[in-house]
C-alpha atoms as a PDB file:
ATOM      1  CA  UNK A   1     -29.287 131.557 204.616  1.00  0.00           C
ATOM      2  CA  UNK A   2     -27.804 133.115 207.745  1.00  0.00           C
ATOM      3  CA  UNK A   3     -24.190 132.407 208.420  1.00  0.00           C
ATOM      4  CA  UNK A   4     -24.670 132.564 212.308  1.00  0.00           C
ATOM      5  CA  UNK A   5     -26.672 129.567 212.570  1.00  0.00           C
ATOM      6  CA  UNK A   6     -24.578 127.340 210.389  1.00  0.00           C
ATOM      7  CA  UNK A   7     -23.021 124.397 212.362  1.00  0.00           C
ATOM      8  CA  UNK A   8     -19.860 123.232 210.639  1.00  0.00           C
ATOM      9  CA  UNK A   9     -17.820 124.661 208.010  1.00  0.00           C
ATOM     10  CA  UNK A  10     -15.109 123.194 206.195  1.00  0.00           C
ATOM     11  CA  UNK A  11     -12.666 123.624 203.101  1.00  0.00           C
ATOM     12  CA  UNK A  12     -11.486 120.796 200.798  1.00  0.00           C
ATOM     13  CA  UNK A  13     -10.909 119.921 196.894  1.00  0.00           C
ATOM     14  CA  UNK A  14     -13.251 118.214 194.652  1.00  0.00           C
ATOM     15  CA  UNK A  15     -12.056 114.725 193.574  1.00  0.00           C
ATOM     16  CA  UNK A  16     -15.120 113.697 191.711  1.00  0.00           C
ATOM     17  CA  UNK A  17     -18.741 114.957 190.242  1.00  0.00           C
ATOM     18  CA  UNK A  18     -20.406 111.498 191.075  1.00  0.00           C
ATOM     19  CA  UNK A  19     -23.680 112.902 189.126  1.00  0.00           C
ATOM     20  CA  UNK A  20     -25.984 115.756 188.696  1.00  0.00           C
ATOM     21  CA  UNK A  21     -26.308 118.412 191.653  1.00  0.00           C
ATOM     22  CA  UNK A  22     -23.461 115.713 193.246  1.00  0.00           C
ATOM     23  CA  UNK A  23     -19.847 116.212 193.948  1.00  0.00           C
ATOM     24  CA  UNK A  24     -17.431 114.533 196.092  1.00  0.00           C
ATOM     25  CA  UNK A  25     -14.902 116.706 198.474  1.00  0.00           C
ATOM     26  CA  UNK A  26     -11.741 115.481 200.072  1.00  0.00           C
ATOM     27  CA  UNK A  27     -10.508 117.139 202.992  1.00  0.00           C
ATOM     28  CA  UNK A  28      -6.894 116.385 204.699  1.00  0.00           C
ATOM     29  CA  UNK A  29      -5.999 117.109 207.993  1.00  0.00           C
ATOM     30  CA  UNK A  30      -3.060 116.239 210.558  1.00  0.00           C
ATOM     31  CA  UNK A  31      -3.585 113.676 213.419  1.00  0.00           C
ATOM     32  CA  UNK A  32      -0.996 113.475 216.209  1.00  0.00           C
ATOM     33  CA  UNK A  33       0.004 109.624 217.151  1.00  0.00           C
ATOM     34  CA  UNK A  34      -0.776 109.389 220.600  1.00  0.00           C
ATOM     35  CA  UNK A  35       2.588 107.223 221.482  1.00  0.00           C
ATOM     36  CA  UNK A  36       5.017 108.923 219.243  1.00  0.00           C
ATOM     37  CA  UNK A  37       4.040 112.255 218.972  1.00  0.00           C
ATOM     38  CA  UNK A  38       4.326 112.345 214.923  1.00  0.00           C
ATOM     39  CA  UNK A  39       1.897 113.861 213.003  1.00  0.00           C
ATOM     40  CA  UNK A  40      -0.408 111.646 210.461  1.00  0.00           C
ATOM     41  CA  UNK A  41      -1.525 112.603 207.133  1.00  0.00           C
ATOM     42  CA  UNK A  42      -5.385 111.530 207.121  1.00  0.00           C
ATOM     43  CA  UNK A  43      -7.786 112.420 204.727  1.00  0.00           C
ATOM     44  CA  UNK A  44     -11.667 112.208 204.539  1.00  0.00           C
ATOM     45  CA  UNK A  45     -13.987 112.135 201.396  1.00  0.00           C
ATOM     46  CA  UNK A  46     -17.485 113.825 201.588  1.00  0.00           C
ATOM     47  CA  UNK A  47     -20.582 113.634 199.594  1.00  0.00           C
ATOM     48  CA  UNK A  48     -21.797 117.366 198.769  1.00  0.00           C
ATOM     49  CA  UNK A  49     -24.939 118.752 197.675  1.00  0.00           C
ATOM     50  CA  UNK A  50     -24.161 121.379 194.459  1.00  0.00           C
ATOM     51  CA  UNK A  51     -27.400 122.538 193.374  1.00  0.00           C
ATOM     52  CA  UNK A  52     -25.998 125.001 190.562  1.00  0.00           C
ATOM     53  CA  UNK A  53     -23.331 122.438 189.483  1.00  0.00           C
ATOM     54  CA  UNK A  54     -20.845 125.031 189.503  1.00  0.00           C
ATOM     55  CA  UNK A  55     -18.012 122.978 191.015  1.00  0.00           C
ATOM     56  CA  UNK A  56     -15.684 121.075 189.048  1.00  0.00           C
ATOM     57  CA  UNK A  57     -12.704 118.659 189.751  1.00  0.00           C
ATOM     58  CA  UNK A  58      -9.666 120.223 191.320  1.00  0.00           C
ATOM     59  CA  UNK A  59     -11.580 123.499 192.759  1.00  0.00           C
ATOM     60  CA  UNK A  60     -11.073 124.469 196.286  1.00  0.00           C
ATOM     61  CA  UNK A  61     -14.462 124.413 198.035  1.00  0.00           C
ATOM     62  CA  UNK A  62     -16.159 125.645 201.323  1.00  0.00           C
ATOM     63  CA  UNK A  63     -18.792 123.234 202.354  1.00  0.00           C
ATOM     64  CA  UNK A  64     -21.581 123.558 205.141  1.00  0.00           C
ATOM     65  CA  UNK A  65     -22.867 120.888 207.421  1.00  0.00           C
ATOM     66  CA  UNK A  66     -26.929 120.816 206.535  1.00  0.00           C
ATOM     67  CA  UNK A  67     -29.704 118.042 206.856  1.00  0.00           C
ATOM     68  CA  UNK A  68     -29.375 114.857 205.161  1.00  0.00           C
ATOM     69  CA  UNK A  69     -30.351 115.473 201.646  1.00  0.00           C
ATOM     70  CA  UNK A  70     -29.585 111.334 200.689  1.00  0.00           C
ATOM     71  CA  UNK A  71     -27.964 108.560 202.336  1.00  0.00           C
ATOM     72  CA  UNK A  72     -24.471 109.702 201.475  1.00  0.00           C
ATOM     73  CA  UNK A  73     -25.177 113.357 201.185  1.00  0.00           C
ATOM     74  CA  UNK A  74     -25.213 115.951 204.202  1.00  0.00           C
ATOM     75  CA  UNK A  75     -23.114 118.774 203.353  1.00  0.00           C
ATOM     76  CA  UNK A  76     -23.715 121.286 201.078  1.00  0.00           C
ATOM     77  CA  UNK A  77     -21.577 123.714 198.888  1.00  0.00           C
ATOM     78  CA  UNK A  78     -21.494 127.226 200.245  1.00  0.00           C
ATOM     79  CA  UNK A  79     -18.722 128.855 197.636  1.00  0.00           C
ATOM     80  CA  UNK A  80     -15.981 127.965 195.280  1.00  0.00           C
ATOM     81  CA  UNK A  81     -12.757 129.756 196.998  1.00  0.00           C
ATOM     82  CA  UNK A  82     -10.181 128.665 194.039  1.00  0.00           C
ATOM     83  CA  UNK A  83     -10.799 127.273 190.266  1.00  0.00           C
ATOM     84  CA  UNK A  84      -8.512 124.201 189.709  1.00  0.00           C
ATOM     85  CA  UNK A  85      -6.611 123.733 186.584  1.00  0.00           C
ATOM     86  CA  UNK A  86      -8.361 122.742 183.315  1.00  0.00           C
ATOM     87  CA  UNK A  87      -6.867 119.688 181.696  1.00  0.00           C
END
């Protein structure tokens, strides 16, 4: 797929393999409190389509937004950036 037409790219860590060709990716980010100015850690978990089943728990991955694949998956795996530690 041409990278110039991709809408959104994010990087996160795989937290679970929820089924065949599906993973859950956690993305951490900081939000500044509007009144006190303190930065607060937030996170979101996204359902991601992994067509080749290459990502494992603990891997750092790049994902891109795509058309909805199912009720909970509208992101797809672009690449595995770093392999996680296998226990």
